[in-house]
Amino acid sequence: MFQMKYNLSKYRKMLLGALIGLVVGYVYYALFGCSSGSCVISANPLNSAMFGALMGA
């Protein structure tokens, strides 16, 4: 139990950054998303959110 708690606290900043990036990526898609489908990242909400999470981490 202690080991799991230590690992979670060790990566807390990275997980928080990824979560914030995930939300920001989705909001970016919702506000500025590409409707034509030609934009690789912002054409799909999943791609946009995952890119945000990757940049936030």
N, C-alpha and C. Protein backbone atom coordinates (compact mmCIF):
# COMPACT_ATOMS: atom_id res chain seq x y z
N MET A 1 0.82 -1.19 0.00
CA MET A 1 0.00 0.00 0.00
C MET A 1 0.86 1.25 0.00
N PHE A 2 1.92 1.25 0.79
CA PHE A 2 2.80 2.41 0.85
C PHE A 2 3.46 2.66 -0.50
N GLN A 3 3.85 1.58 -1.17
CA GLN A 3 4.52 1.72 -2.47
C GLN A 3 3.60 2.39 -3.49
N MET A 4 2.33 2.02 -3.52
CA MET A 4 1.39 2.62 -4.46
C MET A 4 1.17 4.10 -4.14
N LYS A 5 1.08 4.43 -2.88
CA LYS A 5 0.90 5.82 -2.47
C LYS A 5 2.12 6.65 -2.86
N TYR A 6 3.31 6.08 -2.71
CA TYR A 6 4.54 6.77 -3.09
C TYR A 6 4.57 7.02 -4.59
N ASN A 7 4.21 6.02 -5.39
CA ASN A 7 4.23 6.18 -6.83
C ASN A 7 3.23 7.23 -7.29
N LEU A 8 2.07 7.27 -6.68
CA LEU A 8 1.05 8.25 -7.05
C LEU A 8 1.52 9.66 -6.72
N SER A 9 2.13 9.84 -5.57
CA SER A 9 2.60 11.17 -5.21
C SER A 9 3.81 11.58 -6.06
N LYS A 10 4.54 10.61 -6.53
CA LYS A 10 5.71 10.90 -7.35
C LYS A 10 5.29 11.47 -8.72
N TYR A 11 4.19 11.00 -9.26
CA TYR A 11 3.74 11.42 -10.58
C TYR A 11 2.54 12.37 -10.53
N ARG A 12 2.28 12.95 -9.40
CA ARG A 12 1.10 13.79 -9.23
C ARG A 12 1.11 15.00 -10.17
N LYS A 13 2.23 15.69 -10.28
CA LYS A 13 2.32 16.87 -11.15
C LYS A 13 2.12 16.50 -12.61
N MET A 14 2.69 15.39 -13.03
CA MET A 14 2.56 14.96 -14.41
C MET A 14 1.11 14.57 -14.71
N LEU A 15 0.46 13.86 -13.80
CA LEU A 15 -0.93 13.46 -14.01
C LEU A 15 -1.86 14.67 -14.01
N LEU A 16 -1.61 15.61 -13.14
CA LEU A 16 -2.41 16.83 -13.11
C LEU A 16 -2.24 17.63 -14.39
N GLY A 17 -1.02 17.74 -14.88
CA GLY A 17 -0.76 18.43 -16.14
C GLY A 17 -1.43 17.74 -17.31
N ALA A 18 -1.40 16.43 -17.32
CA ALA A 18 -2.05 15.68 -18.40
C ALA A 18 -3.56 15.85 -18.35
N LEU A 19 -4.13 15.87 -17.16
CA LEU A 19 -5.57 16.06 -17.02
C LEU A 19 -5.99 17.46 -17.47
N ILE A 20 -5.24 18.47 -17.08
CA ILE A 20 -5.53 19.83 -17.52
C ILE A 20 -5.36 19.94 -19.03
N GLY A 21 -4.32 19.34 -19.58
CA GLY A 21 -4.11 19.36 -21.02
C GLY A 21 -5.22 18.65 -21.77
N LEU A 22 -5.75 17.58 -21.20
CA LEU A 22 -6.86 16.85 -21.80
C LEU A 22 -8.09 17.75 -21.91
N VAL A 23 -8.39 18.46 -20.84
CA VAL A 23 -9.54 19.37 -20.85
C VAL A 23 -9.32 20.52 -21.81
N VAL A 24 -8.15 21.11 -21.79
CA VAL A 24 -7.85 22.23 -22.69
C VAL A 24 -7.88 21.79 -24.15
N GLY A 25 -7.40 20.59 -24.43
CA GLY A 25 -7.45 20.07 -25.80
C GLY A 25 -8.87 19.89 -26.29
N TYR A 26 -9.73 19.40 -25.44
CA TYR A 26 -11.13 19.23 -25.83
C TYR A 26 -11.82 20.59 -26.01
N VAL A 27 -11.54 21.52 -25.13
CA VAL A 27 -12.12 22.86 -25.26
C VAL A 27 -11.63 23.51 -26.55
N TYR A 28 -10.37 23.30 -26.89
CA TYR A 28 -9.84 23.84 -28.15
C TYR A 28 -10.61 23.25 -29.33
N TYR A 29 -10.88 21.95 -29.29
CA TYR A 29 -11.66 21.32 -30.35
C TYR A 29 -13.07 21.93 -30.41
N ALA A 30 -13.69 22.12 -29.26
CA ALA A 30 -15.06 22.63 -29.22
C ALA A 30 -15.14 24.06 -29.74
N LEU A 31 -14.14 24.86 -29.48
CA LEU A 31 -14.19 26.27 -29.88
C LEU A 31 -13.61 26.53 -31.27
N PHE A 32 -12.48 25.88 -31.60
CA PHE A 32 -11.77 26.18 -32.83
C PHE A 32 -11.60 24.98 -33.74
N GLY A 33 -12.31 23.90 -33.50
CA GLY A 33 -12.14 22.66 -34.25
C GLY A 33 -12.33 22.83 -35.75
N CYS A 34 -11.65 22.01 -36.49
CA CYS A 34 -11.71 22.04 -37.95
C CYS A 34 -12.87 21.17 -38.42
N SER A 35 -13.86 21.77 -39.05
CA SER A 35 -15.05 21.01 -39.47
C SER A 35 -14.86 20.29 -40.79
N SER A 36 -13.87 20.70 -41.58
CA SER A 36 -13.68 20.07 -42.89
C SER A 36 -13.00 18.70 -42.79
N GLY A 37 -12.29 18.46 -41.71
CA GLY A 37 -11.61 17.18 -41.52
C GLY A 37 -10.19 17.17 -42.06
N SER A 38 -9.72 18.30 -42.58
CA SER A 38 -8.37 18.34 -43.13
C SER A 38 -7.30 18.59 -42.07
N CYS A 39 -7.69 19.06 -40.92
CA CYS A 39 -6.74 19.30 -39.82
C CYS A 39 -6.58 18.00 -39.03
N VAL A 40 -5.38 17.54 -38.91
CA VAL A 40 -5.14 16.24 -38.29
C VAL A 40 -5.49 16.25 -36.80
N ILE A 41 -5.09 17.26 -36.09
CA ILE A 41 -5.28 17.27 -34.64
C ILE A 41 -6.66 17.78 -34.24
N SER A 42 -7.10 18.87 -34.82
CA SER A 42 -8.34 19.49 -34.34
C SER A 42 -9.60 19.04 -35.06
N ALA A 43 -9.51 18.06 -35.96
CA ALA A 43 -10.70 17.57 -36.65
C ALA A 43 -11.47 16.55 -35.81
N ASN A 44 -10.81 15.91 -34.88
CA ASN A 44 -11.40 14.85 -34.08
C ASN A 44 -11.24 15.21 -32.60
N PRO A 45 -12.29 15.13 -31.79
CA PRO A 45 -12.15 15.51 -30.38
C PRO A 45 -11.18 14.61 -29.60
N LEU A 46 -11.11 13.35 -29.95
CA LEU A 46 -10.18 12.45 -29.26
C LEU A 46 -8.73 12.83 -29.57
N ASN A 47 -8.43 13.10 -30.83
CA ASN A 47 -7.07 13.51 -31.19
C ASN A 47 -6.68 14.80 -30.50
N SER A 48 -7.60 15.74 -30.48
CA SER A 48 -7.32 17.03 -29.87
C SER A 48 -7.09 16.90 -28.37
N ALA A 49 -7.91 16.09 -27.70
CA ALA A 49 -7.76 15.90 -26.26
C ALA A 49 -6.48 15.13 -25.93
N MET A 50 -6.14 14.12 -26.70
CA MET A 50 -4.92 13.36 -26.45
C MET A 50 -3.68 14.21 -26.70
N PHE A 51 -3.71 15.05 -27.72
CA PHE A 51 -2.60 15.95 -27.98
C PHE A 51 -2.43 16.92 -26.82
N GLY A 52 -3.54 17.44 -26.31
CA GLY A 52 -3.47 18.33 -25.16
C GLY A 52 -2.91 17.64 -23.93
N ALA A 53 -3.32 16.40 -23.72
CA ALA A 53 -2.80 15.64 -22.57
C ALA A 53 -1.31 15.38 -22.71
N LEU A 54 -0.88 15.09 -23.91
CA LEU A 54 0.55 14.85 -24.15
C LEU A 54 1.35 16.12 -23.93
N MET A 55 0.84 17.25 -24.37
CA MET A 55 1.54 18.51 -24.17
C MET A 55 1.49 18.94 -22.70
N GLY A 56 0.42 18.60 -22.00
CA GLY A 56 0.31 18.96 -20.59
C GLY A 56 1.21 18.13 -19.68
N ALA A 57 1.51 16.93 -20.10
CA ALA A 57 2.35 16.06 -19.28
C ALA A 57 3.77 16.41 -19.47
